[in-house]
Protein backbone atom coordinates (compact mmCIF):
# COMPACT_ATOMS: atom_id res chain seq x y z
CA MET A 1 -20.93 -5.77 -4.80
CA TYR A 2 -20.09 -7.38 -1.73
CA GLU A 3 -24.24 -8.37 -0.96
CA LEU A 4 -24.24 -9.90 -4.37
CA ILE A 5 -21.57 -11.95 -4.21
CA ASP A 6 -22.49 -12.88 -0.65
CA ILE A 7 -25.91 -13.91 -2.14
CA TRP A 8 -24.26 -16.33 -4.86
CA GLY A 9 -22.28 -17.31 -1.80
CA SER A 10 -24.95 -18.67 0.46
CA ALA A 11 -26.67 -20.38 -2.33
CA LEU A 12 -23.57 -22.16 -3.29
CA ARG A 13 -22.76 -22.88 0.26
CA GLU A 14 -26.14 -24.77 0.72
CA ILE A 15 -25.67 -27.10 -2.55
CA SER A 16 -21.34 -27.37 -2.58
CA PHE A 17 -19.31 -26.76 0.43
CA SER A 18 -16.03 -27.55 -1.73
CA GLY A 19 -17.69 -25.42 -4.07
CA PHE A 20 -18.06 -22.71 -1.45
CA ILE A 21 -14.56 -22.78 -1.15
CA ALA A 22 -13.16 -22.66 -4.71
CA LEU A 23 -15.35 -19.49 -4.84
CA LEU A 24 -13.45 -17.96 -2.01
CA ILE A 25 -10.48 -18.51 -3.15
CA GLY A 26 -11.06 -17.36 -7.15
CA SER A 27 -12.78 -14.32 -5.24
CA THR A 28 -9.52 -13.51 -3.44
CA ILE A 29 -7.36 -14.19 -6.76
CA ILE A 30 -9.65 -11.97 -9.15
CA GLY A 31 -9.59 -9.03 -6.52
CA LEU A 32 -6.37 -9.40 -6.19
CA PHE A 33 -5.68 -9.02 -9.97
CA PHE A 34 -8.78 -6.70 -10.38
CA LEU A 35 -6.60 -3.98 -7.69
CA THR A 36 -2.97 -4.42 -9.52
CA LYS A 37 -4.65 -3.85 -13.05
CA GLY A 38 -7.01 -1.10 -11.46
CA GLY A 39 -4.31 0.65 -9.77
CA ASP A 40 -1.82 0.89 -12.57
CA PHE A 41 -5.11 2.27 -15.24
CA LEU A 42 -5.41 5.09 -12.69
CA SER A 43 -1.85 6.20 -11.82
CA ASP A 44 -0.85 6.07 -15.42
CA ASN A 45 -3.98 7.77 -16.79
CA CYS A 46 -4.19 10.19 -14.05
CA SER A 47 -0.55 11.59 -14.96
CA VAL A 48 -1.96 12.20 -18.20
CA LEU A 49 -4.60 13.60 -17.51
CA ALA A 50 -3.17 16.10 -15.08
CA ARG A 51 -0.23 16.96 -17.97
CA GLU A 52 -3.07 17.55 -20.63
CA LEU A 53 -4.78 20.02 -17.85
CA GLY A 54 -1.28 21.79 -17.65
CA VAL A 55 -0.48 20.45 -14.12
CA PRO A 56 3.04 20.69 -13.65
CA PRO A 57 5.18 17.25 -14.01
CA VAL A 58 6.89 17.67 -10.56
CA ILE A 59 3.09 18.27 -8.97
CA VAL A 60 2.00 14.93 -10.98
CA GLY A 61 4.86 13.21 -9.52
CA LEU A 62 4.79 13.88 -6.23
CA THR A 63 0.89 13.75 -5.79
CA ILE A 64 -1.18 12.42 -8.46
CA VAL A 65 0.85 9.39 -8.64
CA SER A 66 1.32 8.76 -5.02
CA VAL A 67 -1.92 8.84 -4.05
CA ALA A 68 -2.90 6.38 -7.16
CA THR A 69 -0.42 3.98 -6.20
CA SER A 70 -2.01 3.65 -2.59
CA ALA A 71 -5.42 3.66 -4.25
CA PRO A 72 -5.42 0.01 -3.96
CA GLU A 73 -4.91 -0.27 -0.15
CA LEU A 74 -7.65 2.82 -0.09
CA PHE A 75 -10.35 1.02 -1.63
CA THR A 76 -9.48 -2.50 0.22
CA SER A 77 -10.03 -0.30 3.64
CA ILE A 78 -13.19 1.23 2.57
CA SER A 79 -14.75 -2.06 1.24
CA ALA A 80 -13.23 -4.08 4.70
CA ILE A 81 -14.78 -1.36 6.91
CA ASN A 82 -18.10 -1.31 4.85
CA SER A 83 -18.27 -5.20 5.28
CA GLY A 84 -17.38 -5.24 8.90
CA ALA A 85 -13.55 -6.67 8.75
CA GLY A 86 -11.95 -3.52 10.10
CA GLY A 87 -9.15 -6.09 11.03
CA LEU A 88 -8.11 -6.31 7.54
CA VAL A 89 -7.42 -2.26 7.37
CA LEU A 90 -4.79 -2.57 9.98
CA GLY A 91 -3.16 -5.59 8.74
CA ASN A 92 -3.14 -4.18 5.14
CA ILE A 93 -1.61 -1.21 6.48
CA ILE A 94 0.88 -2.55 8.38
CA GLY A 95 1.67 -5.58 6.40
CA SER A 96 1.95 -3.36 2.91
CA ASN A 97 4.65 -1.09 4.58
CA VAL A 98 6.55 -4.14 6.17
CA ALA A 99 5.90 -5.76 2.58
CA ASN A 100 7.08 -2.35 0.80
CA ILE A 101 10.82 -3.00 2.48
CA GLY A 102 11.46 -6.22 3.32
CA LEU A 103 10.10 -8.27 0.31
CA ILE A 104 10.07 -5.42 -2.44
CA LEU A 105 13.45 -3.65 -1.66
CA GLY A 106 14.68 -6.97 -0.64
CA ILE A 107 13.92 -8.60 -4.13
CA SER A 108 15.28 -5.10 -5.93
CA LEU A 109 18.21 -5.50 -3.97
CA PHE A 110 18.80 -8.87 -4.51
CA ILE A 111 18.38 -8.21 -8.38
CA LYS A 112 20.53 -5.22 -8.48
CA PRO A 113 22.87 -3.66 -6.00
CA ILE A 114 21.55 0.09 -4.95
CA SER A 115 23.27 3.25 -3.72
CA THR A 116 21.23 5.50 -1.49
CA HIS A 117 23.90 8.27 -1.72
CA HIS A 118 21.55 11.64 -2.16
CA ALA A 119 18.61 9.37 -2.97
CA VAL A 120 16.35 10.49 -0.25
CA LYS A 121 16.25 13.65 1.67
CA PRO A 122 17.07 13.47 5.52
CA THR A 123 13.58 15.28 6.42
CA GLN A 124 12.08 13.07 4.73
CA LEU A 125 13.37 10.11 6.60
CA VAL A 126 12.88 11.91 9.75
CA VAL A 127 8.75 12.48 8.97
CA LEU A 128 8.74 8.30 7.64
CA THR A 129 9.96 7.66 11.14
CA ILE A 130 7.66 9.80 12.99
CA ALA A 131 4.56 9.38 11.28
CA THR A 132 5.31 5.42 11.70
CA ILE A 133 6.12 5.71 15.62
CA GLY A 134 3.08 8.13 15.60
CA PHE A 135 0.88 6.34 14.11
CA SER A 136 1.67 2.86 16.02
CA SER A 137 1.57 4.50 19.34
CA SER A 138 -1.95 5.80 18.55
CA ILE A 139 -3.01 2.32 17.95
CA ILE A 140 -0.61 0.38 21.33
CA PHE A 141 -1.30 3.32 23.93
CA SER A 142 -4.88 4.10 23.49
CA GLN A 143 -7.33 2.67 25.74
CA SER A 144 -9.27 0.84 23.19
CA SER A 145 -5.98 -0.37 21.27
CA ALA A 146 -7.93 1.03 18.16
CA LEU A 147 -7.48 3.54 15.26
CA GLY A 148 -10.09 6.19 15.90
CA PHE A 149 -11.47 9.07 14.52
CA GLU A 150 -9.13 11.70 16.16
CA ALA A 151 -6.25 9.67 15.16
CA GLY A 152 -7.10 9.69 11.57
CA VAL A 153 -7.92 13.27 11.33
CA ILE A 154 -4.42 13.97 12.56
CA LEU A 155 -3.20 11.45 9.67
CA ILE A 156 -5.25 13.24 6.97
CA ILE A 157 -3.92 16.80 8.24
CA PHE A 158 -0.37 15.11 8.40
CA ILE A 159 -0.36 13.65 4.88
CA ILE A 160 -1.77 17.04 3.48
CA GLY A 161 0.42 19.40 5.26
CA TYR A 162 3.37 16.86 3.60
CA LEU A 163 1.96 16.81 0.06
CA GLY A 164 1.78 20.63 0.48
CA SER A 165 5.40 21.23 1.37
CA LEU A 166 6.65 18.85 -1.00
CA CYS A 167 4.79 20.70 -3.73
CA PHE A 168 5.79 24.18 -2.57
CA VAL A 169 9.61 23.36 -2.33
CA SER A 170 9.32 21.33 -5.34
CA LEU A 171 8.34 24.44 -7.42
CA ARG A 172 10.52 26.74 -6.13
CA ASN A 173 13.04 24.87 -6.97
CA ARG A 174 11.64 23.25 -10.07
CA ASN A 175 13.88 21.44 -12.51
CA ASN A 176 13.43 19.06 -15.22
CA ASP A 177 14.99 15.50 -13.88
CA LEU A 178 11.72 15.00 -11.14
CA GLN A 179 10.02 14.61 -14.66
CA THR A 180 7.68 11.14 -14.51
CA GLU A 181 8.45 8.29 -16.40
CA ASN A 182 5.43 8.52 -19.01
CA ASP A 183 5.79 11.43 -20.79
CA THR A 184 6.64 10.12 -24.27
CA ASP A 185 3.91 7.69 -25.15
CA ASP A 186 1.08 8.27 -23.21
CA ASP A 187 0.98 12.22 -23.93
CA ASN A 188 -0.40 11.16 -27.38
CA GLN A 189 -3.33 9.33 -26.16
CA PRO A 190 -6.68 11.01 -27.07
CA LEU A 191 -8.26 12.78 -23.68
CA LEU A 192 -11.33 10.86 -24.17
CA MET A 193 -9.47 7.31 -23.74
CA VAL A 194 -7.51 8.75 -20.87
CA ILE A 195 -10.93 9.65 -18.82
CA PHE A 196 -12.34 6.25 -20.01
CA MET A 197 -9.55 4.56 -18.58
CA ILE A 198 -9.46 6.05 -15.43
CA LEU A 199 -12.82 5.39 -14.84
CA VAL A 200 -12.18 1.62 -15.88
CA GLY A 201 -9.39 1.69 -13.24
CA GLY A 202 -11.67 3.30 -10.21
CA LEU A 203 -14.72 0.18 -11.20
CA LEU A 204 -11.84 -2.41 -11.24
CA LEU A 205 -10.34 -0.67 -7.82
CA TRP A 206 -13.79 -1.04 -6.49
CA LEU A 207 -14.66 -4.53 -7.86
CA GLY A 208 -11.34 -5.74 -6.81
CA SER A 209 -11.64 -4.60 -3.48
CA GLU A 210 -14.95 -5.93 -2.62
CA SER A 211 -13.77 -9.17 -4.15
CA LEU A 212 -10.94 -9.32 -2.27
CA VAL A 213 -12.47 -8.45 0.73
CA TYR A 214 -15.39 -11.33 0.40
CA GLY A 215 -12.76 -14.24 -0.29
CA SER A 216 -10.12 -13.36 2.42
CA LYS A 217 -12.67 -12.50 5.31
CA ASN A 218 -14.73 -15.64 4.47
CA LEU A 219 -11.73 -17.68 4.24
CA ALA A 220 -9.74 -16.38 7.63
CA GLU A 221 -13.90 -17.28 9.12
CA LEU A 222 -13.56 -20.59 8.02
CA VAL A 223 -10.01 -21.19 8.93
CA GLY A 224 -10.43 -19.30 12.36
CA ILE A 225 -7.85 -16.97 11.50
CA PRO A 226 -8.22 -13.37 12.67
CA ASN A 227 -8.49 -10.71 9.75
CA GLU A 228 -5.45 -8.74 10.74
CA LEU A 229 -3.41 -11.34 10.02
CA ILE A 230 -4.87 -12.38 6.54
CA GLY A 231 -4.61 -8.29 6.23
CA PHE A 232 -0.30 -8.57 7.12
CA THR A 233 0.15 -11.36 4.74
CA LEU A 234 -2.07 -12.01 1.88
CA ILE A 235 -3.58 -8.91 0.94
CA ALA A 236 -0.95 -6.96 1.82
CA ILE A 237 1.44 -8.69 -0.70
CA GLY A 238 -1.32 -8.35 -3.20
CA THR A 239 -1.75 -4.68 -2.70
CA SER A 240 1.90 -3.89 -2.98
CA LEU A 241 2.13 -5.90 -6.17
CA PRO A 242 2.11 -2.59 -8.52
CA GLU A 243 5.27 -0.99 -6.37
CA LEU A 244 7.01 -4.78 -7.39
CA ALA A 245 6.25 -4.22 -10.97
CA ALA A 246 7.26 -0.25 -10.93
CA SER A 247 10.31 -1.33 -8.75
CA ILE A 248 11.51 -3.87 -11.84
CA ALA A 249 10.82 -1.15 -14.22
CA LEU A 250 12.83 0.93 -12.16
CA LEU A 251 15.80 -1.48 -12.08
CA ARG A 252 15.72 -1.77 -15.77
CA LYS A 253 15.96 1.90 -16.38
CA ASP A 254 18.63 2.26 -13.49
CA GLU A 255 16.30 4.70 -11.62
CA THR A 256 17.26 3.36 -8.19
CA HIS A 257 16.99 7.18 -6.41
CA MET A 258 13.32 7.02 -7.63
CA LEU A 259 12.73 3.30 -6.74
CA LEU A 260 13.81 4.55 -3.20
CA GLY A 261 11.16 7.34 -3.22
CA ASN A 262 8.91 5.36 -4.31
CA ILE A 263 8.91 3.11 -1.50
CA LEU A 264 9.55 5.62 1.11
CA GLY A 265 6.44 7.35 -0.51
CA SER A 266 3.93 4.74 -0.48
CA ASN A 267 4.87 4.12 3.69
CA LEU A 268 3.95 7.15 4.12
CA PHE A 269 0.49 7.51 2.01
CA ASN A 270 -0.19 4.14 3.45
CA ILE A 271 -0.11 5.71 7.09
CA GLY A 272 -1.27 9.30 6.41
CA LEU A 273 -4.02 8.79 3.48
CA VAL A 274 -5.18 4.82 4.34
CA GLY A 275 -4.57 5.06 7.77
CA GLY A 276 -6.35 8.04 8.45
CA VAL A 277 -9.32 7.58 5.91
CA ALA A 278 -9.81 4.42 8.29
CA GLY A 279 -9.56 5.87 11.32
CA ILE A 280 -12.31 8.42 10.43
CA LEU A 281 -14.17 6.11 8.94
CA GLY A 282 -13.63 3.84 11.99
CA PRO A 283 -12.77 2.96 14.70
CA ILE A 284 -10.72 -0.13 13.39
CA PHE A 285 -10.11 -2.47 16.65
CA CYS A 286 -7.13 -4.53 16.77
CA GLU A 287 -8.29 -8.37 16.58
CA THR A 288 -4.89 -10.41 16.91
CA PRO A 289 -3.43 -11.73 20.63
CA TYR A 290 -0.72 -9.93 20.23
CA PRO A 291 -1.17 -6.63 17.65
CA TRP A 292 2.12 -4.91 19.16
CA LEU A 293 4.18 -7.78 16.99
CA ASP A 294 3.31 -6.66 13.66
CA HIS A 295 4.16 -2.77 14.82
CA ILE A 296 7.31 -3.62 16.01
CA SER A 297 7.66 -5.38 13.01
CA MET A 298 7.00 -2.45 10.93
CA LEU A 299 9.12 -0.20 13.05
CA LEU A 300 11.88 -2.36 12.74
CA PHE A 301 12.16 -2.58 9.08
CA THR A 302 11.38 1.48 9.26
CA ILE A 303 14.36 1.87 11.06
CA LEU A 304 16.86 -0.36 9.19
CA MET A 305 15.54 1.25 6.16
CA VAL A 306 16.31 4.81 7.44
CA PHE A 307 19.68 3.69 8.81
CA TRP A 308 20.85 1.91 5.44
CA MET A 309 19.57 5.38 3.76
CA ARG A 310 22.49 7.27 4.64
CA GLY A 311 24.27 7.12 1.60
CA ARG A 312 25.21 3.64 1.86
CA ASN A 313 25.90 1.32 -0.79
CA LEU A 314 23.36 -1.52 -0.94
CA SER A 315 24.07 -5.18 -2.51
CA ARG A 316 22.71 -8.66 -2.22
CA LYS A 317 23.53 -9.59 1.00
CA HIS A 318 21.54 -6.55 2.22
CA GLY A 319 18.68 -7.60 0.04
CA ILE A 320 19.13 -11.98 1.39
CA LEU A 321 19.10 -9.84 4.94
CA LEU A 322 15.88 -8.39 4.15
CA LEU A 323 13.98 -11.35 2.61
CA VAL A 324 14.97 -13.36 5.44
CA LEU A 325 13.59 -11.06 8.21
CA TYR A 326 10.49 -10.90 6.04
CA GLY A 327 9.89 -14.30 6.15
CA ALA A 328 10.58 -14.33 9.79
CA THR A 329 8.40 -11.81 10.74
CA SER A 330 5.41 -13.50 8.84
CA ALA A 331 6.26 -16.71 10.08
CA THR A 332 6.65 -15.28 13.70
CA THR A 333 2.94 -13.13 13.44
CA TRP A 334 1.30 -16.39 11.88
CA ILE A 335 2.58 -18.65 14.54
CA ALA A 336 1.75 -16.32 17.57
CA ASN A 337 -1.86 -14.60 16.15
CA SER A 338 -3.18 -17.28 14.61
């Protein structure tokens, strides 16, 4: 798909440069839309299929839904590596984690206060902190400043171990209040339709990732901006849109604990699953002059979230603070690295 769009783009560039720019912008927008819809289709219908096959709801929530919501970042990363735009991968992983806390949690708190009392287990907060520090350290302190094969394997082992331990503990202490949101309406869907929608979701994710990477990569090259910077901002926000939609829906249902858990889980999967696959397919090198700025931003937002999760009542002022910090960090990395 990437090669086909590239052929069209090369031909159009010779005819009309303005038309080529319009193609790049359109390709980026369409890619973001396809990724968002594909992630929704995959997440919803994979949950239904798993329940139809007799998989316990707790396993559905902790594994299938979590993996599916990270699918946009995963597909985008694979497409970026295949097209030689590895910098998009690191920017996407780090930027998505920053956006999940600074932008999505910030907007959520601006809409409605959230109590963090007993929302997330302390062990999960420790795991997120260790994973974030380990991920950044493996890149910043490596000789080549790259995410390599060894780090990728470690990250994959980590996320598999994390999933396994969650499932083991949850099955041992199984109860009804860990069921997922879609147990009512989706169960009535014909099984063949569910499978068809899963295939449609996968196709949209593939088409969207190829289209997004082509448009954003070429726009970055035309403007002279590093791919990692585009990944940190534009692509990170785009691939985080499913989490934003889910967060707003959870706020309406007053499921604020699940909202916080989804943000934490999404950040863990971005590091473990997306980072692990990228490292194995890589190596992925940093392309910005000051890559440590992005890593520091991710660490600061993660530490701030972990600190707030210790039973605090978060209000609109906390949301405004997160949004201001997100805007400041995004502006700083743009000014320093562009």
